[in-house]
Amino acid sequence: MTEETEKPHIFVRGEGGAVFKLDLPLHETIEDRLSKGHLLRVANADGDPYVPEEDSPEVAGLPEERPALNASKATWVGWAVKNGMAPDDAEALTKTDLIEKFGTDN
């Protein structure tokens, strides 16, 4: 009998509020939704807030600081969400609009 090791995973709160355990690596569409703020990484199955740790797996998420002007639109959408905009509203704007609204230090 061989001992089965658990795959690396994270927990994510979906748009409806349910928490899902996802195996790593994440599918690119899931990473995209995380980076844009449609999904939220949480610490565990109970949905406790996620606090990054040094040894935690690196996955997409909202930017921690203002992106460079040449960053992708998805990164700017994530920055807008980080600053309080709803994900769908942020995605409806152009990259130029997002930079104008969230690209300056206020």
PDB file of N, CA and C in Angstrom:
ATOM      1  N   MET A   1       0.848  -1.170   0.000  1.00  0.00           N
ATOM      2  CA  MET A   1       0.000   0.000   0.000  1.00  0.00           C
ATOM      3  C   MET A   1       0.894   1.234   0.000  1.00  0.00           C
ATOM      4  N   THR A   2       0.689   2.117  -0.969  1.00  0.00           N
ATOM      5  CA  THR A   2       1.494   3.340  -1.048  1.00  0.00           C
ATOM      6  C   THR A   2       0.747   4.495  -0.431  1.00  0.00           C
ATOM      7  N   GLU A   3       1.519   5.360   0.194  1.00  0.00           N
ATOM      8  CA  GLU A   3       0.915   6.537   0.809  1.00  0.00           C
ATOM      9  C   GLU A   3       0.709   7.598  -0.257  1.00  0.00           C
ATOM     10  N   GLU A   4      -0.522   8.042  -0.393  1.00  0.00           N
ATOM     11  CA  GLU A   4      -0.839   9.059  -1.401  1.00  0.00           C
ATOM     12  C   GLU A   4      -0.610  10.440  -0.802  1.00  0.00           C
ATOM     13  N   THR A   5       0.165  11.260  -1.501  1.00  0.00           N
ATOM     14  CA  THR A   5       0.399  12.612  -1.021  1.00  0.00           C
ATOM     15  C   THR A   5      -0.653  13.542  -1.607  1.00  0.00           C
ATOM     16  N   GLU A   6      -1.017  14.526  -0.828  1.00  0.00           N
ATOM     17  CA  GLU A   6      -2.030  15.474  -1.261  1.00  0.00           C
ATOM     18  C   GLU A   6      -1.430  16.459  -2.258  1.00  0.00           C
ATOM     19  N   LYS A   7      -2.169  16.734  -3.310  1.00  0.00           N
ATOM     20  CA  LYS A   7      -1.724  17.692  -4.317  1.00  0.00           C
ATOM     21  C   LYS A   7      -1.744  19.093  -3.717  1.00  0.00           C
ATOM     22  N   PRO A   8      -0.817  19.959  -4.165  1.00  0.00           N
ATOM     23  CA  PRO A   8      -0.889  21.345  -3.689  1.00  0.00           C
ATOM     24  C   PRO A   8      -2.201  21.967  -4.162  1.00  0.00           C
ATOM     25  N   HIS A   9      -2.798  22.784  -3.312  1.00  0.00           N
ATOM     26  CA  HIS A   9      -4.102  23.354  -3.628  1.00  0.00           C
ATOM     27  C   HIS A   9      -4.263  24.715  -2.955  1.00  0.00           C
ATOM     28  N   ILE A  10      -5.293  25.424  -3.363  1.00  0.00           N
ATOM     29  CA  ILE A  10      -5.702  26.655  -2.708  1.00  0.00           C
ATOM     30  C   ILE A  10      -7.220  26.615  -2.568  1.00  0.00           C
ATOM     31  N   PHE A  11      -7.753  27.526  -1.775  1.00  0.00           N
ATOM     32  CA  PHE A  11      -9.194  27.684  -1.642  1.00  0.00           C
ATOM     33  C   PHE A  11      -9.584  29.017  -2.253  1.00  0.00           C
ATOM     34  N   VAL A  12     -10.713  29.008  -2.961  1.00  0.00           N
ATOM     35  CA  VAL A  12     -11.171  30.194  -3.673  1.00  0.00           C
ATOM     36  C   VAL A  12     -12.658  30.383  -3.418  1.00  0.00           C
ATOM     37  N   ARG A  13     -13.052  31.644  -3.124  1.00  0.00           N
ATOM     38  CA  ARG A  13     -14.480  31.960  -2.989  1.00  0.00           C
ATOM     39  C   ARG A  13     -14.984  32.376  -4.366  1.00  0.00           C
ATOM     40  N   GLY A  14     -16.032  31.690  -4.825  1.00  0.00           N
ATOM     41  CA  GLY A  14     -16.604  31.975  -6.134  1.00  0.00           C
ATOM     42  C   GLY A  14     -17.543  33.158  -6.092  1.00  0.00           C
ATOM     43  N   GLU A  15     -18.060  33.506  -7.253  1.00  0.00           N
ATOM     44  CA  GLU A  15     -18.941  34.664  -7.383  1.00  0.00           C
ATOM     45  C   GLU A  15     -20.231  34.510  -6.589  1.00  0.00           C
ATOM     46  N   GLY A  16     -20.680  33.286  -6.370  1.00  0.00           N
ATOM     47  CA  GLY A  16     -21.895  33.058  -5.601  1.00  0.00           C
ATOM     48  C   GLY A  16     -21.650  32.934  -4.105  1.00  0.00           C
ATOM     49  N   GLY A  17     -20.384  33.006  -3.677  1.00  0.00           N
ATOM     50  CA  GLY A  17     -20.051  32.935  -2.265  1.00  0.00           C
ATOM     51  C   GLY A  17     -19.570  31.582  -1.786  1.00  0.00           C
ATOM     52  N   ALA A  18     -19.707  30.547  -2.604  1.00  0.00           N
ATOM     53  CA  ALA A  18     -19.250  29.218  -2.202  1.00  0.00           C
ATOM     54  C   ALA A  18     -17.722  29.155  -2.266  1.00  0.00           C
ATOM     55  N   VAL A  19     -17.136  28.330  -1.390  1.00  0.00           N
ATOM     56  CA  VAL A  19     -15.686  28.158  -1.351  1.00  0.00           C
ATOM     57  C   VAL A  19     -15.334  26.825  -2.009  1.00  0.00           C
ATOM     58  N   PHE A  20     -14.333  26.871  -2.897  1.00  0.00           N
ATOM     59  CA  PHE A  20     -13.900  25.691  -3.630  1.00  0.00           C
ATOM     60  C   PHE A  20     -12.431  25.421  -3.365  1.00  0.00           C
ATOM     61  N   LYS A  21     -12.087  24.151  -3.264  1.00  0.00           N
ATOM     62  CA  LYS A  21     -10.689  23.728  -3.166  1.00  0.00           C
ATOM     63  C   LYS A  21     -10.226  23.423  -4.582  1.00  0.00           C
ATOM     64  N   LEU A  22      -9.178  24.104  -5.039  1.00  0.00           N
ATOM     65  CA  LEU A  22      -8.683  23.934  -6.401  1.00  0.00           C
ATOM     66  C   LEU A  22      -7.256  23.426  -6.373  1.00  0.00           C
ATOM     67  N   ASP A  23      -6.992  22.373  -7.136  1.00  0.00           N
ATOM     68  CA  ASP A  23      -5.640  21.838  -7.246  1.00  0.00           C
ATOM     69  C   ASP A  23      -4.774  22.771  -8.089  1.00  0.00           C
ATOM     70  N   LEU A  24      -3.504  22.819  -7.740  1.00  0.00           N
ATOM     71  CA  LEU A  24      -2.534  23.603  -8.494  1.00  0.00           C
ATOM     72  C   LEU A  24      -1.829  22.700  -9.486  1.00  0.00           C
ATOM     73  N   PRO A  25      -1.388  23.174 -10.614  1.00  0.00           N
ATOM     74  CA  PRO A  25      -1.532  24.560 -11.061  1.00  0.00           C
ATOM     75  C   PRO A  25      -2.964  24.826 -11.515  1.00  0.00           C
ATOM     76  N   LEU A  26      -3.367  26.084 -11.401  1.00  0.00           N
ATOM     77  CA  LEU A  26      -4.705  26.478 -11.805  1.00  0.00           C
ATOM     78  C   LEU A  26      -4.800  26.572 -13.326  1.00  0.00           C
ATOM     79  N   HIS A  27      -5.979  26.326 -13.830  1.00  0.00           N
ATOM     80  CA  HIS A  27      -6.232  26.538 -15.257  1.00  0.00           C
ATOM     81  C   HIS A  27      -6.123  28.034 -15.538  1.00  0.00           C
ATOM     82  N   GLU A  28      -5.686  28.387 -16.719  1.00  0.00           N
ATOM     83  CA  GLU A  28      -5.456  29.796 -17.053  1.00  0.00           C
ATOM     84  C   GLU A  28      -6.720  30.641 -16.932  1.00  0.00           C
ATOM     85  N   THR A  29      -7.896  30.068 -17.187  1.00  0.00           N
ATOM     86  CA  THR A  29      -9.120  30.858 -17.043  1.00  0.00           C
ATOM     87  C   THR A  29      -9.415  31.173 -15.584  1.00  0.00           C
ATOM     88  N   ILE A  30      -9.074  30.251 -14.687  1.00  0.00           N
ATOM     89  CA  ILE A  30      -9.253  30.500 -13.250  1.00  0.00           C
ATOM     90  C   ILE A  30      -8.264  31.570 -12.801  1.00  0.00           C
ATOM     91  N   GLU A  31      -7.012  31.479 -13.236  1.00  0.00           N
ATOM     92  CA  GLU A  31      -6.020  32.503 -12.891  1.00  0.00           C
ATOM     93  C   GLU A  31      -6.464  33.869 -13.383  1.00  0.00           C
ATOM     94  N   ASP A  32      -7.030  33.919 -14.575  1.00  0.00           N
ATOM     95  CA  ASP A  32      -7.518  35.180 -15.132  1.00  0.00           C
ATOM     96  C   ASP A  32      -8.628  35.757 -14.254  1.00  0.00           C
ATOM     97  N   ARG A  33      -9.556  34.907 -13.829  1.00  0.00           N
ATOM     98  CA  ARG A  33     -10.659  35.381 -12.981  1.00  0.00           C
ATOM     99  C   ARG A  33     -10.157  35.825 -11.606  1.00  0.00           C
ATOM    100  N   LEU A  34      -9.122  35.173 -11.082  1.00  0.00           N
ATOM    101  CA  LEU A  34      -8.518  35.606  -9.822  1.00  0.00           C
ATOM    102  C   LEU A  34      -7.846  36.966  -9.983  1.00  0.00           C
ATOM    103  N   SER A  35      -7.108  37.137 -11.078  1.00  0.00           N
ATOM    104  CA  SER A  35      -6.369  38.380 -11.278  1.00  0.00           C
ATOM    105  C   SER A  35      -7.289  39.567 -11.519  1.00  0.00           C
ATOM    106  N   LYS A  36      -8.509  39.289 -11.990  1.00  0.00           N
ATOM    107  CA  LYS A  36      -9.471  40.363 -12.247  1.00  0.00           C
ATOM    108  C   LYS A  36     -10.430  40.587 -11.082  1.00  0.00           C
ATOM    109  N   GLY A  37     -10.339  39.776 -10.045  1.00  0.00           N
ATOM    110  CA  GLY A  37     -11.173  39.979  -8.869  1.00  0.00           C
ATOM    111  C   GLY A  37     -12.531  39.321  -8.911  1.00  0.00           C
ATOM    112  N   HIS A  38     -12.812  38.506  -9.927  1.00  0.00           N
ATOM    113  CA  HIS A  38     -14.091  37.789  -9.958  1.00  0.00           C
ATOM    114  C   HIS A  38     -14.111  36.690  -8.907  1.00  0.00           C
ATOM    115  N   LEU A  39     -12.942  36.124  -8.627  1.00  0.00           N
ATOM    116  CA  LEU A  39     -12.776  35.103  -7.601  1.00  0.00           C
ATOM    117  C   LEU A  39     -11.832  35.655  -6.538  1.00  0.00           C
ATOM    118  N   LEU A  40     -11.962  35.160  -5.324  1.00  0.00           N
ATOM    119  CA  LEU A  40     -11.135  35.642  -4.223  1.00  0.00           C
ATOM    120  C   LEU A  40     -10.470  34.467  -3.528  1.00  0.00           C
ATOM    121  N   ARG A  41      -9.158  34.524  -3.394  1.00  0.00           N
ATOM    122  CA  ARG A  41      -8.454  33.468  -2.667  1.00  0.00           C
ATOM    123  C   ARG A  41      -8.748  33.622  -1.181  1.00  0.00           C
ATOM    124  N   VAL A  42      -9.067  32.501  -0.522  1.00  0.00           N
ATOM    125  CA  VAL A  42      -9.320  32.478   0.914  1.00  0.00           C
ATOM    126  C   VAL A  42      -8.387  31.458   1.557  1.00  0.00           C
ATOM    127  N   ALA A  43      -8.293  31.485   2.869  1.00  0.00           N
ATOM    128  CA  ALA A  43      -7.308  30.668   3.575  1.00  0.00           C
ATOM    129  C   ALA A  43      -7.691  29.195   3.678  1.00  0.00           C
ATOM    130  N   ASN A  44      -8.982  28.923   3.776  1.00  0.00           N
ATOM    131  CA  ASN A  44      -9.397  27.542   4.034  1.00  0.00           C
ATOM    132  C   ASN A  44     -10.833  27.315   3.576  1.00  0.00           C
ATOM    133  N   ALA A  45     -11.337  26.124   3.801  1.00  0.00           N
ATOM    134  CA  ALA A  45     -12.696  25.776   3.378  1.00  0.00           C
ATOM    135  C   ALA A  45     -13.763  26.591   4.096  1.00  0.00           C
ATOM    136  N   ASP A  46     -13.411  27.172   5.248  1.00  0.00           N
ATOM    137  CA  ASP A  46     -14.358  28.016   5.968  1.00  0.00           C
ATOM    138  C   ASP A  46     -14.455  29.417   5.378  1.00  0.00           C
ATOM    139  N   GLY A  47     -13.534  29.763   4.463  1.00  0.00           N
ATOM    140  CA  GLY A  47     -13.563  31.072   3.819  1.00  0.00           C
ATOM    141  C   GLY A  47     -12.870  32.173   4.600  1.00  0.00           C
ATOM    142  N   ASP A  48     -12.030  31.780   5.573  1.00  0.00           N
ATOM    143  CA  ASP A  48     -11.292  32.800   6.326  1.00  0.00           C
ATOM    144  C   ASP A  48     -10.407  33.599   5.373  1.00  0.00           C
ATOM    145  N   PRO A  49     -10.167  34.886   5.675  1.00  0.00           N
ATOM    146  CA  PRO A  49      -9.334  35.712   4.790  1.00  0.00           C
ATOM    147  C   PRO A  49      -7.955  35.109   4.577  1.00  0.00           C
ATOM    148  N   TYR A  50      -7.486  35.184   3.356  1.00  0.00           N
ATOM    149  CA  TYR A  50      -6.160  34.675   3.000  1.00  0.00           C
ATOM    150  C   TYR A  50      -5.104  35.718   3.333  1.00  0.00           C
ATOM    151  N   VAL A  51      -4.056  35.279   4.020  1.00  0.00           N
ATOM    152  CA  VAL A  51      -2.902  36.117   4.302  1.00  0.00           C
ATOM    153  C   VAL A  51      -1.693  35.430   3.680  1.00  0.00           C
ATOM    154  N   PRO A  52      -1.044  36.081   2.705  1.00  0.00           N
ATOM    155  CA  PRO A  52       0.101  35.432   2.047  1.00  0.00           C
ATOM    156  C   PRO A  52       1.208  35.084   3.034  1.00  0.00           C
ATOM    157  N   GLU A  53       1.808  33.930   2.820  1.00  0.00           N
ATOM    158  CA  GLU A  53       2.937  33.485   3.626  1.00  0.00           C
ATOM    159  C   GLU A  53       4.079  33.156   2.682  1.00  0.00           C
ATOM    160  N   GLU A  54       5.291  33.132   3.204  1.00  0.00           N
ATOM    161  CA  GLU A  54       6.453  32.856   2.365  1.00  0.00           C
ATOM    162  C   GLU A  54       6.378  31.504   1.681  1.00  0.00           C
ATOM    163  N   ASP A  55       5.884  30.490   2.383  1.00  0.00           N
ATOM    164  CA  ASP A  55       5.879  29.147   1.820  1.00  0.00           C
ATOM    165  C   ASP A  55       4.579  28.792   1.101  1.00  0.00           C
ATOM    166  N   SER A  56       3.666  29.758   0.944  1.00  0.00           N
ATOM    167  CA  SER A  56       2.416  29.447   0.269  1.00  0.00           C
ATOM    168  C   SER A  56       2.620  29.446  -1.241  1.00  0.00           C
ATOM    169  N   PRO A  57       1.845  28.630  -1.954  1.00  0.00           N
ATOM    170  CA  PRO A  57       1.999  28.557  -3.406  1.00  0.00           C
ATOM    171  C   PRO A  57       1.697  29.902  -4.063  1.00  0.00           C
ATOM    172  N   GLU A  58       2.475  30.250  -5.051  1.00  0.00           N
ATOM    173  CA  GLU A  58       2.288  31.497  -5.786  1.00  0.00           C
ATOM    174  C   GLU A  58       1.206  31.291  -6.840  1.00  0.00           C
ATOM    175  N   VAL A  59       0.156  32.069  -6.767  1.00  0.00           N
ATOM    176  CA  VAL A  59      -0.907  32.023  -7.770  1.00  0.00           C
ATOM    177  C   VAL A  59      -1.312  33.451  -8.089  1.00  0.00           C
ATOM    178  N   ALA A  60      -2.075  33.573  -9.135  1.00  0.00           N
ATOM    179  CA  ALA A  60      -2.544  34.894  -9.533  1.00  0.00           C
ATOM    180  C   ALA A  60      -3.397  35.505  -8.434  1.00  0.00           C
ATOM    181  N   GLY A  61      -3.450  36.783  -8.422  1.00  0.00           N
ATOM    182  CA  GLY A  61      -4.286  37.501  -7.468  1.00  0.00           C
ATOM    183  C   GLY A  61      -4.297  38.966  -7.842  1.00  0.00           C
ATOM    184  N   LEU A  62      -4.989  39.746  -7.064  1.00  0.00           N
ATOM    185  CA  LEU A  62      -5.042  41.174  -7.326  1.00  0.00           C
ATOM    186  C   LEU A  62      -3.665  41.796  -7.102  1.00  0.00           C
ATOM    187  N   PRO A  63      -3.307  42.781  -7.912  1.00  0.00           N
ATOM    188  CA  PRO A  63      -2.003  43.429  -7.743  1.00  0.00           C
ATOM    189  C   PRO A  63      -1.896  44.110  -6.382  1.00  0.00           C
ATOM    190  N   GLU A  64      -0.713  44.078  -5.817  1.00  0.00           N
ATOM    191  CA  GLU A  64      -0.469  44.721  -4.524  1.00  0.00           C
ATOM    192  C   GLU A  64      -0.050  46.180  -4.676  1.00  0.00           C
ATOM    193  N   GLU A  65       0.423  46.559  -5.861  1.00  0.00           N
ATOM    194  CA  GLU A  65       0.818  47.952  -6.104  1.00  0.00           C
ATOM    195  C   GLU A  65       0.408  48.344  -7.513  1.00  0.00           C
ATOM    196  N   ARG A  66       0.368  49.663  -7.760  1.00  0.00           N
ATOM    197  CA  ARG A  66      -0.074  50.163  -9.058  1.00  0.00           C
ATOM    198  C   ARG A  66       0.746  49.536 -10.175  1.00  0.00           C
ATOM    199  N   PRO A  67       0.077  48.988 -11.189  1.00  0.00           N
ATOM    200  CA  PRO A  67       0.809  48.358 -12.289  1.00  0.00           C
ATOM    201  C   PRO A  67       1.544  49.388 -13.149  1.00  0.00           C
ATOM    202  N   ALA A  68       2.508  48.894 -13.898  1.00  0.00           N
ATOM    203  CA  ALA A  68       3.193  49.736 -14.873  1.00  0.00           C
ATOM    204  C   ALA A  68       2.204  50.107 -15.971  1.00  0.00           C
ATOM    205  N   LEU A  69       2.440  51.218 -16.628  1.00  0.00           N
ATOM    206  CA  LEU A  69       1.535  51.657 -17.691  1.00  0.00           C
ATOM    207  C   LEU A  69       1.432  50.653 -18.825  1.00  0.00           C
ATOM    208  N   ASN A  70       2.483  49.873 -19.046  1.00  0.00           N
ATOM    209  CA  ASN A  70       2.448  48.886 -20.127  1.00  0.00           C
ATOM    210  C   ASN A  70       1.944  47.521 -19.669  1.00  0.00           C
ATOM    211  N   ALA A  71       1.429  47.419 -18.446  1.00  0.00           N
ATOM    212  CA  ALA A  71       0.860  46.154 -17.953  1.00  0.00           C
ATOM    213  C   ALA A  71      -0.410  45.823 -18.747  1.00  0.00           C
ATOM    214  N   SER A  72      -0.806  44.578 -18.712  1.00  0.00           N
ATOM    215  CA  SER A  72      -1.996  44.141 -19.450  1.00  0.00           C
ATOM    216  C   SER A  72      -3.267  44.778 -18.896  1.00  0.00           C
ATOM    217  N   LYS A  73      -4.299  44.779 -19.725  1.00  0.00           N
ATOM    218  CA  LYS A  73      -5.584  45.303 -19.266  1.00  0.00           C
ATOM    219  C   LYS A  73      -6.080  44.494 -18.068  1.00  0.00           C
ATOM    220  N   ALA A  74      -5.880  43.165 -18.097  1.00  0.00           N
ATOM    221  CA  ALA A  74      -6.325  42.314 -16.986  1.00  0.00           C
ATOM    222  C   ALA A  74      -5.696  42.760 -15.672  1.00  0.00           C
ATOM    223  N   THR A  75      -4.426  43.141 -15.718  1.00  0.00           N
ATOM    224  CA  THR A  75      -3.752  43.620 -14.508  1.00  0.00           C
ATOM    225  C   THR A  75      -4.372  44.929 -14.034  1.00  0.00           C
ATOM    226  N   TRP A  76      -4.709  45.808 -14.981  1.00  0.00           N
ATOM    227  CA  TRP A  76      -5.357  47.073 -14.618  1.00  0.00           C
ATOM    228  C   TRP A  76      -6.770  46.843 -14.089  1.00  0.00           C
ATOM    229  N   VAL A  77      -7.470  45.854 -14.619  1.00  0.00           N
ATOM    230  CA  VAL A  77      -8.792  45.498 -14.080  1.00  0.00           C
ATOM    231  C   VAL A  77      -8.630  45.056 -12.630  1.00  0.00           C
ATOM    232  N   GLY A  78      -7.635  44.212 -12.363  1.00  0.00           N
ATOM    233  CA  GLY A  78      -7.371  43.771 -10.991  1.00  0.00           C
ATOM    234  C   GLY A  78      -7.063  44.932 -10.071  1.00  0.00           C
ATOM    235  N   TRP A  79      -6.293  45.902 -10.564  1.00  0.00           N
ATOM    236  CA  TRP A  79      -5.955  47.080  -9.758  1.00  0.00           C
ATOM    237  C   TRP A  79      -7.204  47.904  -9.447  1.00  0.00           C
ATOM    238  N   ALA A  80      -8.090  48.042 -10.436  1.00  0.00           N
ATOM    239  CA  ALA A  80      -9.337  48.772 -10.218  1.00  0.00           C
ATOM    240  C   ALA A  80     -10.196  48.064  -9.172  1.00  0.00           C
ATOM    241  N   VAL A  81     -10.264  46.730  -9.252  1.00  0.00           N
ATOM    242  CA  VAL A  81     -11.030  45.951  -8.267  1.00  0.00           C
ATOM    243  C   VAL A  81     -10.403  46.115  -6.883  1.00  0.00           C
ATOM    244  N   LYS A  82      -9.075  46.067  -6.811  1.00  0.00           N
ATOM    245  CA  LYS A  82      -8.368  46.251  -5.540  1.00  0.00           C
ATOM    246  C   LYS A  82      -8.728  47.608  -4.924  1.00  0.00           C
ATOM    247  N   ASN A  83      -9.025  48.584  -5.786  1.00  0.00           N
ATOM    248  CA  ASN A  83      -9.355  49.932  -5.335  1.00  0.00           C
ATOM    249  C   ASN A  83     -10.851  50.192  -5.256  1.00  0.00           C
ATOM    250  N   GLY A  84     -11.657  49.113  -5.224  1.00  0.00           N
ATOM    251  CA  GLY A  84     -13.075  49.251  -4.917  1.00  0.00           C
ATOM    252  C   GLY A  84     -14.056  49.143  -6.061  1.00  0.00           C
ATOM    253  N   MET A  85     -13.606  48.989  -7.293  1.00  0.00           N
ATOM    254  CA  MET A  85     -14.529  48.886  -8.419  1.00  0.00           C
ATOM    255  C   MET A  85     -15.005  47.439  -8.569  1.00  0.00           C
ATOM    256  N   ALA A  86     -16.242  47.270  -8.974  1.00  0.00           N
ATOM    257  CA  ALA A  86     -16.783  45.930  -9.231  1.00  0.00           C
ATOM    258  C   ALA A  86     -16.079  45.335 -10.453  1.00  0.00           C
ATOM    259  N   PRO A  87     -15.772  44.029 -10.426  1.00  0.00           N
ATOM    260  CA  PRO A  87     -15.060  43.408 -11.546  1.00  0.00           C
ATOM    261  C   PRO A  87     -15.713  43.633 -12.906  1.00  0.00           C
ATOM    262  N   ASP A  88     -17.025  43.472 -12.993  1.00  0.00           N
ATOM    263  CA  ASP A  88     -17.703  43.649 -14.285  1.00  0.00           C
ATOM    264  C   ASP A  88     -17.608  45.095 -14.765  1.00  0.00           C
ATOM    265  N   ASP A  89     -17.715  46.053 -13.844  1.00  0.00           N
ATOM    266  CA  ASP A  89     -17.593  47.464 -14.220  1.00  0.00           C
ATOM    267  C   ASP A  89     -16.183  47.773 -14.709  1.00  0.00           C
ATOM    268  N   ALA A  90     -15.186  47.208 -14.041  1.00  0.00           N
ATOM    269  CA  ALA A  90     -13.796  47.453 -14.438  1.00  0.00           C
ATOM    270  C   ALA A  90     -13.520  46.851 -15.812  1.00  0.00           C
ATOM    271  N   GLU A  91     -14.039  45.661 -16.066  1.00  0.00           N
ATOM    272  CA  GLU A  91     -13.814  45.029 -17.364  1.00  0.00           C
ATOM    273  C   GLU A  91     -14.507  45.775 -18.499  1.00  0.00           C
ATOM    274  N   ALA A  92     -15.571  46.499 -18.193  1.00  0.00           N
ATOM    275  CA  ALA A  92     -16.293  47.246 -19.222  1.00  0.00           C
ATOM    276  C   ALA A  92     -15.516  48.471 -19.696  1.00  0.00           C
ATOM    277  N   LEU A  93     -14.574  48.948 -18.883  1.00  0.00           N
ATOM    278  CA  LEU A  93     -13.776  50.106 -19.258  1.00  0.00           C
ATOM    279  C   LEU A  93     -12.614  49.693 -20.150  1.00  0.00           C
ATOM    280  N   THR A  94     -12.093  50.651 -20.895  1.00  0.00           N
ATOM    281  CA  THR A  94     -10.890  50.384 -21.682  1.00  0.00           C
ATOM    282  C   THR A  94      -9.675  50.485 -20.765  1.00  0.00           C
ATOM    283  N   LYS A  95      -8.555  49.978 -21.228  1.00  0.00           N
ATOM    284  CA  LYS A  95      -7.319  50.084 -20.451  1.00  0.00           C
ATOM    285  C   LYS A  95      -6.971  51.548 -20.218  1.00  0.00           C
ATOM    286  N   THR A  96      -7.176  52.374 -21.230  1.00  0.00           N
ATOM    287  CA  THR A  96      -6.903  53.813 -21.100  1.00  0.00           C
ATOM    288  C   THR A  96      -7.774  54.429 -20.015  1.00  0.00           C
ATOM    289  N   ASP A  97      -9.062  54.068 -19.987  1.00  0.00           N
ATOM    290  CA  ASP A  97      -9.966  54.582 -18.948  1.00  0.00           C
ATOM    291  C   ASP A  97      -9.497  54.152 -17.552  1.00  0.00           C
ATOM    292  N   LEU A  98      -9.080  52.887 -17.439  1.00  0.00           N
ATOM    293  CA  LEU A  98      -8.610  52.384 -16.147  1.00  0.00           C
ATOM    294  C   LEU A  98      -7.372  53.131 -15.689  1.00  0.00           C
ATOM    295  N   ILE A  99      -6.445  53.393 -16.623  1.00  0.00           N
ATOM    296  CA  ILE A  99      -5.218  54.132 -16.271  1.00  0.00           C
ATOM    297  C   ILE A  99      -5.569  55.553 -15.859  1.00  0.00           C
ATOM    298  N   GLU A 100      -6.496  56.190 -16.571  1.00  0.00           N
ATOM    299  CA  GLU A 100      -6.892  57.557 -16.217  1.00  0.00           C
ATOM    300  C   GLU A 100      -7.519  57.606 -14.819  1.00  0.00           C
ATOM    301  N   LYS A 101      -8.319  56.602 -14.490  1.00  0.00           N
ATOM    302  CA  LYS A 101      -9.024  56.600 -13.200  1.00  0.00           C
ATOM    303  C   LYS A 101      -8.141  56.121 -12.040  1.00  0.00           C
ATOM    304  N   PHE A 102      -7.282  55.118 -12.291  1.00  0.00           N
ATOM    305  CA  PHE A 102      -6.543  54.482 -11.201  1.00  0.00           C
ATOM    306  C   PHE A 102      -5.026  54.536 -11.368  1.00  0.00           C
ATOM    307  N   GLY A 103      -4.546  55.224 -12.397  1.00  0.00           N
ATOM    308  CA  GLY A 103      -3.121  55.207 -12.691  1.00  0.00           C
ATOM    309  C   GLY A 103      -2.293  56.296 -12.059  1.00  0.00           C
ATOM    310  N   THR A 104      -2.942  57.199 -11.351  1.00  0.00           N
ATOM    311  CA  THR A 104      -2.191  58.266 -10.705  1.00  0.00           C
ATOM    312  C   THR A 104      -2.205  58.064  -9.201  1.00  0.00           C
ATOM    313  N   ASP A 105      -1.143  58.490  -8.567  1.00  0.00           N
ATOM    314  CA  ASP A 105      -1.100  58.433  -7.108  1.00  0.00           C
ATOM    315  C   ASP A 105      -1.952  59.560  -6.564  1.00  0.00           C
ATOM    316  N   ASN A 106      -2.981  59.195  -5.840  1.00  0.00           N
ATOM    317  CA  ASN A 106      -3.892  60.215  -5.271  1.00  0.00           C
ATOM    318  C   ASN A 106      -3.546  60.513  -3.852  1.00  0.00           C
TER     319      ASN A 106
END
